């Protein structure tokens, strides 16, 4: 640090300090950067200005994620239910249980009845849940904006996946009911 004519102290920034600030900016809160590098609020703001003046694009805003991690799939999810897992995982488990029940019911059917289901198995398909959301183009965005856009995309993907799995669950449920009906009538 040196003193200027007006008596204020100026910090001569080392390249390594500026690189570290640019690396942490947007990922870590400004208060934590200041604490780690032992800088005042004004010094950190000055460093940001120096980086941006030399062609960098640094913002000290740090995005706080609102989505939690699902312990079953490890994805960022907006809906963690009472069982502690996300809605898509719950729907996938529900679908697996319905299909397992349908498979056990199929085993009770006579071979000629079972053959009908086996031949049409490849044709099973539920209605589409609409187009899958596209990933956002984050080029030219600050880290804050990119993180926010990525989180919005994750939430949209979760909604799409829930709708898709809901349709598959309903179709599997209907198929299981038809198999149950045939099994009862035998």
C-alpha atoms as a PDB file:
ATOM      1  CA  UNK A   1       0.000   0.000   0.000  1.00  0.00           C
ATOM      2  CA  UNK A   2       1.144   3.501  -0.711  1.00  0.00           C
ATOM      3  CA  UNK A   3      -0.133   6.875   0.328  1.00  0.00           C
ATOM      4  CA  UNK A   4      -1.396   9.352  -2.192  1.00  0.00           C
ATOM      5  CA  UNK A   5      -1.091  13.107  -1.939  1.00  0.00           C
ATOM      6  CA  UNK A   6      -4.553  13.364  -0.386  1.00  0.00           C
ATOM      7  CA  UNK A   7      -3.646  10.963   2.425  1.00  0.00           C
ATOM      8  CA  UNK A   8      -5.820   8.044   1.241  1.00  0.00           C
ATOM      9  CA  UNK A   9      -4.273   4.614   1.003  1.00  0.00           C
ATOM     10  CA  UNK A  10      -4.215   2.859  -2.360  1.00  0.00           C
ATOM     11  CA  UNK A  11      -3.852  -0.831  -2.864  1.00  0.00           C
ATOM     12  CA  UNK A  12      -1.513  -1.977  -5.594  1.00  0.00           C
ATOM     13  CA  UNK A  13      -3.228  -5.086  -6.856  1.00  0.00           C
ATOM     14  CA  UNK A  14      -1.136  -8.120  -7.624  1.00  0.00           C
ATOM     15  CA  UNK A  15      -2.250 -10.205 -10.579  1.00  0.00           C
ATOM     16  CA  UNK A  16      -2.751 -13.214  -8.305  1.00  0.00           C
ATOM     17  CA  UNK A  17      -5.114 -11.201  -6.054  1.00  0.00           C
ATOM     18  CA  UNK A  18      -7.187 -10.013  -8.992  1.00  0.00           C
ATOM     19  CA  UNK A  19      -7.350 -13.540 -10.429  1.00  0.00           C
ATOM     20  CA  UNK A  20      -8.505 -14.927  -7.076  1.00  0.00           C
ATOM     21  CA  UNK A  21     -11.200 -12.246  -6.765  1.00  0.00           C
ATOM     22  CA  UNK A  22     -12.390 -12.950 -10.333  1.00  0.00           C
ATOM     23  CA  UNK A  23     -12.461 -16.678  -9.562  1.00  0.00           C
ATOM     24  CA  UNK A  24     -14.540 -16.248  -6.393  1.00  0.00           C
ATOM     25  CA  UNK A  25     -16.821 -13.449  -7.579  1.00  0.00           C
ATOM     26  CA  UNK A  26     -20.352 -14.618  -8.242  1.00  0.00           C
ATOM     27  CA  UNK A  27     -19.748 -18.009  -6.618  1.00  0.00           C
ATOM     28  CA  UNK A  28     -19.022 -16.891  -3.077  1.00  0.00           C
ATOM     29  CA  UNK A  29     -20.695 -14.030  -1.197  1.00  0.00           C
ATOM     30  CA  UNK A  30     -18.714 -10.783  -1.153  1.00  0.00           C
ATOM     31  CA  UNK A  31     -18.468 -10.900   2.656  1.00  0.00           C
ATOM     32  CA  UNK A  32     -16.688 -14.243   2.461  1.00  0.00           C
ATOM     33  CA  UNK A  33     -14.294 -12.954  -0.233  1.00  0.00           C
ATOM     34  CA  UNK A  34     -13.481  -9.944   1.955  1.00  0.00           C
ATOM     35  CA  UNK A  35     -12.886 -12.175   4.956  1.00  0.00           C
ATOM     36  CA  UNK A  36     -10.660 -14.621   3.017  1.00  0.00           C
ATOM     37  CA  UNK A  37      -8.551 -11.911   1.367  1.00  0.00           C
ATOM     38  CA  UNK A  38      -8.735  -9.496   4.317  1.00  0.00           C
ATOM     39  CA  UNK A  39     -10.176  -6.630   2.289  1.00  0.00           C
ATOM     40  CA  UNK A  40     -12.544  -3.833   3.121  1.00  0.00           C
ATOM     41  CA  UNK A  41     -15.779  -3.368   1.206  1.00  0.00           C
ATOM     42  CA  UNK A  42     -14.275  -0.435  -0.694  1.00  0.00           C
ATOM     43  CA  UNK A  43     -11.109  -2.364  -1.544  1.00  0.00           C
ATOM     44  CA  UNK A  44     -13.108  -5.260  -2.949  1.00  0.00           C
ATOM     45  CA  UNK A  45     -15.278  -2.898  -4.986  1.00  0.00           C
ATOM     46  CA  UNK A  46     -12.134  -1.181  -6.256  1.00  0.00           C
ATOM     47  CA  UNK A  47     -10.659  -4.542  -7.281  1.00  0.00           C
ATOM     48  CA  UNK A  48     -13.859  -5.340  -9.191  1.00  0.00           C
ATOM     49  CA  UNK A  49     -13.584  -2.014 -11.034  1.00  0.00           C
ATOM     50  CA  UNK A  50      -9.913  -2.676 -11.873  1.00  0.00           C
ATOM     51  CA  UNK A  51     -10.767  -6.136 -13.250  1.00  0.00           C
ATOM     52  CA  UNK A  52     -13.679  -4.795 -15.317  1.00  0.00           C
ATOM     53  CA  UNK A  53     -11.601  -1.865 -16.613  1.00  0.00           C
ATOM     54  CA  UNK A  54      -8.975  -4.299 -17.878  1.00  0.00           C
ATOM     55  CA  UNK A  55     -11.533  -6.196 -19.971  1.00  0.00           C
ATOM     56  CA  UNK A  56     -12.953  -8.591 -17.367  1.00  0.00           C
ATOM     57  CA  UNK A  57     -16.597  -9.018 -16.505  1.00  0.00           C
ATOM     58  CA  UNK A  58     -16.924  -9.481 -12.765  1.00  0.00           C
ATOM     59  CA  UNK A  59     -19.991  -9.009 -10.612  1.00  0.00           C
ATOM     60  CA  UNK A  60     -19.961  -9.491  -6.850  1.00  0.00           C
ATOM     61  CA  UNK A  61     -23.606 -10.627  -6.801  1.00  0.00           C
ATOM     62  CA  UNK A  62     -23.891 -14.210  -5.631  1.00  0.00           C
ATOM     63  CA  UNK A  63     -26.987 -16.261  -6.422  1.00  0.00           C
ATOM     64  CA  UNK A  64     -28.490 -18.216  -3.534  1.00  0.00           C
ATOM     65  CA  UNK A  65     -30.057 -21.435  -4.768  1.00  0.00           C
ATOM     66  CA  UNK A  66     -33.629 -22.014  -3.675  1.00  0.00           C
ATOM     67  CA  UNK A  67     -33.782 -25.603  -4.875  1.00  0.00           C
ATOM     68  CA  UNK A  68     -32.793 -28.480  -2.628  1.00  0.00           C
ATOM     69  CA  UNK A  69     -30.985 -31.677  -3.563  1.00  0.00           C
ATOM     70  CA  UNK A  70     -33.007 -34.873  -3.776  1.00  0.00           C
ATOM     71  CA  UNK A  71     -31.215 -37.654  -1.871  1.00  0.00           C
ATOM     72  CA  UNK A  72     -32.544 -40.293  -4.293  1.00  0.00           C
ATOM     73  CA  UNK A  73     -31.469 -38.811  -7.645  1.00  0.00           C
ATOM     74  CA  UNK A  74     -29.058 -36.024  -6.602  1.00  0.00           C
ATOM     75  CA  UNK A  75     -30.790 -33.401  -8.757  1.00  0.00           C
ATOM     76  CA  UNK A  76     -31.745 -29.889  -7.679  1.00  0.00           C
ATOM     77  CA  UNK A  77     -35.480 -30.026  -7.069  1.00  0.00           C
ATOM     78  CA  UNK A  78     -38.210 -27.608  -6.052  1.00  0.00           C
ATOM     79  CA  UNK A  79     -40.496 -30.279  -4.620  1.00  0.00           C
ATOM     80  CA  UNK A  80     -39.178 -32.499  -1.869  1.00  0.00           C
ATOM     81  CA  UNK A  81     -42.203 -34.316  -0.462  1.00  0.00           C
ATOM     82  CA  UNK A  82     -42.971 -35.700   2.939  1.00  0.00           C
ATOM     83  CA  UNK A  83     -40.954 -38.839   2.148  1.00  0.00           C
ATOM     84  CA  UNK A  84     -37.867 -36.683   1.580  1.00  0.00           C
ATOM     85  CA  UNK A  85     -37.606 -37.383  -2.145  1.00  0.00           C
ATOM     86  CA  UNK A  86     -38.553 -35.272  -5.151  1.00  0.00           C
ATOM     87  CA  UNK A  87     -41.802 -35.623  -7.073  1.00  0.00           C
ATOM     88  CA  UNK A  88     -40.193 -37.240 -10.162  1.00  0.00           C
ATOM     89  CA  UNK A  89     -38.534 -39.900  -7.965  1.00  0.00           C
ATOM     90  CA  UNK A  90     -41.839 -40.559  -6.188  1.00  0.00           C
ATOM     91  CA  UNK A  91     -43.640 -40.896  -9.536  1.00  0.00           C
ATOM     92  CA  UNK A  92     -40.904 -43.208 -10.879  1.00  0.00           C
ATOM     93  CA  UNK A  93     -41.265 -45.451  -7.811  1.00  0.00           C
ATOM     94  CA  UNK A  94     -45.038 -45.404  -8.205  1.00  0.00           C
ATOM     95  CA  UNK A  95     -44.668 -46.398 -11.882  1.00  0.00           C
ATOM     96  CA  UNK A  96     -42.274 -49.239 -10.979  1.00  0.00           C
ATOM     97  CA  UNK A  97     -44.731 -50.577  -8.368  1.00  0.00           C
ATOM     98  CA  UNK A  98     -47.649 -50.487 -10.817  1.00  0.00           C
ATOM     99  CA  UNK A  99     -45.620 -52.237 -13.517  1.00  0.00           C
ATOM    100  CA  UNK A 100     -44.452 -54.881 -11.032  1.00  0.00           C
ATOM    101  CA  UNK A 101     -48.077 -55.537 -10.035  1.00  0.00           C
ATOM    102  CA  UNK A 102     -49.088 -55.751 -13.716  1.00  0.00           C
ATOM    103  CA  UNK A 103     -46.255 -58.240 -14.357  1.00  0.00           C
ATOM    104  CA  UNK A 104     -47.412 -60.452 -11.467  1.00  0.00           C
ATOM    105  CA  UNK A 105     -50.985 -60.322 -12.798  1.00  0.00           C
ATOM    106  CA  UNK A 106     -49.778 -61.232 -16.303  1.00  0.00           C
ATOM    107  CA  UNK A 107     -48.223 -64.402 -14.896  1.00  0.00           C
ATOM    108  CA  UNK A 108     -51.693 -65.493 -13.737  1.00  0.00           C
ATOM    109  CA  UNK A 109     -53.182 -65.199 -17.230  1.00  0.00           C
ATOM    110  CA  UNK A 110     -53.290 -68.202 -19.589  1.00  0.00           C
ATOM    111  CA  UNK A 111     -50.642 -68.213 -22.341  1.00  0.00           C
ATOM    112  CA  UNK A 112     -53.020 -67.142 -25.139  1.00  0.00           C
ATOM    113  CA  UNK A 113     -54.238 -64.114 -23.137  1.00  0.00           C
ATOM    114  CA  UNK A 114     -50.692 -63.232 -22.088  1.00  0.00           C
ATOM    115  CA  UNK A 115     -49.562 -63.368 -25.721  1.00  0.00           C
ATOM    116  CA  UNK A 116     -51.913 -60.486 -26.618  1.00  0.00           C
ATOM    117  CA  UNK A 117     -50.201 -58.239 -24.061  1.00  0.00           C
ATOM    118  CA  UNK A 118     -46.730 -59.372 -25.097  1.00  0.00           C
ATOM    119  CA  UNK A 119     -47.432 -58.574 -28.773  1.00  0.00           C
ATOM    120  CA  UNK A 120     -48.763 -55.091 -27.990  1.00  0.00           C
ATOM    121  CA  UNK A 121     -46.094 -54.294 -25.387  1.00  0.00           C
ATOM    122  CA  UNK A 122     -43.903 -52.455 -27.895  1.00  0.00           C
ATOM    123  CA  UNK A 123     -46.844 -50.273 -28.952  1.00  0.00           C
ATOM    124  CA  UNK A 124     -47.409 -48.974 -25.418  1.00  0.00           C
ATOM    125  CA  UNK A 125     -46.825 -45.261 -25.252  1.00  0.00           C
ATOM    126  CA  UNK A 126     -48.389 -42.524 -23.211  1.00  0.00           C
ATOM    127  CA  UNK A 127     -49.260 -39.139 -24.633  1.00  0.00           C
ATOM    128  CA  UNK A 128     -46.409 -36.669 -24.832  1.00  0.00           C
ATOM    129  CA  UNK A 129     -45.977 -34.186 -22.009  1.00  0.00           C
ATOM    130  CA  UNK A 130     -45.111 -31.384 -24.389  1.00  0.00           C
ATOM    131  CA  UNK A 131     -41.681 -30.408 -25.609  1.00  0.00           C
ATOM    132  CA  UNK A 132     -38.786 -30.697 -23.196  1.00  0.00           C
ATOM    133  CA  UNK A 133     -37.526 -27.276 -22.048  1.00  0.00           C
ATOM    134  CA  UNK A 134     -34.363 -26.122 -23.800  1.00  0.00           C
ATOM    135  CA  UNK A 135     -31.292 -25.253 -21.773  1.00  0.00           C
ATOM    136  CA  UNK A 136     -30.732 -21.489 -21.584  1.00  0.00           C
ATOM    137  CA  UNK A 137     -27.927 -19.817 -23.526  1.00  0.00           C
ATOM    138  CA  UNK A 138     -25.774 -18.387 -20.745  1.00  0.00           C
ATOM    139  CA  UNK A 139     -23.119 -16.854 -22.959  1.00  0.00           C
ATOM    140  CA  UNK A 140     -22.782 -13.173 -22.190  1.00  0.00           C
ATOM    141  CA  UNK A 141     -24.465 -13.546 -18.786  1.00  0.00           C
ATOM    142  CA  UNK A 142     -22.863 -12.839 -15.458  1.00  0.00           C
ATOM    143  CA  UNK A 143     -22.417 -15.780 -13.087  1.00  0.00           C
ATOM    144  CA  UNK A 144     -25.391 -14.558 -11.089  1.00  0.00           C
ATOM    145  CA  UNK A 145     -27.642 -14.433 -14.161  1.00  0.00           C
ATOM    146  CA  UNK A 146     -26.310 -17.771 -15.449  1.00  0.00           C
ATOM    147  CA  UNK A 147     -26.941 -19.501 -12.109  1.00  0.00           C
ATOM    148  CA  UNK A 148     -30.434 -18.027 -11.948  1.00  0.00           C
ATOM    149  CA  UNK A 149     -31.205 -19.135 -15.526  1.00  0.00           C
ATOM    150  CA  UNK A 150     -29.840 -22.624 -14.798  1.00  0.00           C
ATOM    151  CA  UNK A 151     -32.026 -22.914 -11.697  1.00  0.00           C
ATOM    152  CA  UNK A 152     -35.110 -21.778 -13.632  1.00  0.00           C
ATOM    153  CA  UNK A 153     -34.294 -24.407 -16.265  1.00  0.00           C
ATOM    154  CA  UNK A 154     -33.940 -27.091 -13.562  1.00  0.00           C
ATOM    155  CA  UNK A 155     -37.376 -26.159 -12.178  1.00  0.00           C
ATOM    156  CA  UNK A 156     -38.907 -26.240 -15.688  1.00  0.00           C
ATOM    157  CA  UNK A 157     -37.320 -29.647 -16.334  1.00  0.00           C
ATOM    158  CA  UNK A 158     -38.746 -30.920 -13.059  1.00  0.00           C
ATOM    159  CA  UNK A 159     -42.248 -29.742 -14.035  1.00  0.00           C
ATOM    160  CA  UNK A 160     -41.872 -31.373 -17.455  1.00  0.00           C
ATOM    161  CA  UNK A 161     -40.613 -34.636 -15.944  1.00  0.00           C
ATOM    162  CA  UNK A 162     -43.475 -34.682 -13.433  1.00  0.00           C
ATOM    163  CA  UNK A 163     -46.021 -34.257 -16.240  1.00  0.00           C
ATOM    164  CA  UNK A 164     -44.318 -36.966 -18.326  1.00  0.00           C
ATOM    165  CA  UNK A 165     -44.196 -39.451 -15.450  1.00  0.00           C
ATOM    166  CA  UNK A 166     -47.775 -38.615 -14.429  1.00  0.00           C
ATOM    167  CA  UNK A 167     -48.974 -39.612 -17.907  1.00  0.00           C
ATOM    168  CA  UNK A 168     -46.919 -42.823 -17.786  1.00  0.00           C
ATOM    169  CA  UNK A 169     -48.307 -43.680 -14.340  1.00  0.00           C
ATOM    170  CA  UNK A 170     -51.878 -43.152 -15.554  1.00  0.00           C
ATOM    171  CA  UNK A 171     -51.282 -45.323 -18.643  1.00  0.00           C
ATOM    172  CA  UNK A 172     -49.665 -48.090 -16.564  1.00  0.00           C
ATOM    173  CA  UNK A 173     -52.504 -47.913 -14.055  1.00  0.00           C
ATOM    174  CA  UNK A 174     -55.085 -48.338 -16.824  1.00  0.00           C
ATOM    175  CA  UNK A 175     -53.125 -51.248 -18.303  1.00  0.00           C
ATOM    176  CA  UNK A 176     -52.915 -52.913 -14.882  1.00  0.00           C
ATOM    177  CA  UNK A 177     -56.684 -52.484 -14.415  1.00  0.00           C
ATOM    178  CA  UNK A 178     -57.357 -54.165 -17.772  1.00  0.00           C
ATOM    179  CA  UNK A 179     -55.087 -57.084 -16.854  1.00  0.00           C
ATOM    180  CA  UNK A 180     -56.793 -57.339 -13.443  1.00  0.00           C
ATOM    181  CA  UNK A 181     -60.187 -57.447 -15.121  1.00  0.00           C
ATOM    182  CA  UNK A 182     -59.074 -60.268 -17.455  1.00  0.00           C
ATOM    183  CA  UNK A 183     -57.553 -62.168 -14.522  1.00  0.00           C
ATOM    184  CA  UNK A 184     -60.804 -61.842 -12.514  1.00  0.00           C
ATOM    185  CA  UNK A 185     -62.941 -63.082 -15.416  1.00  0.00           C
ATOM    186  CA  UNK A 186     -60.938 -66.301 -15.763  1.00  0.00           C
END
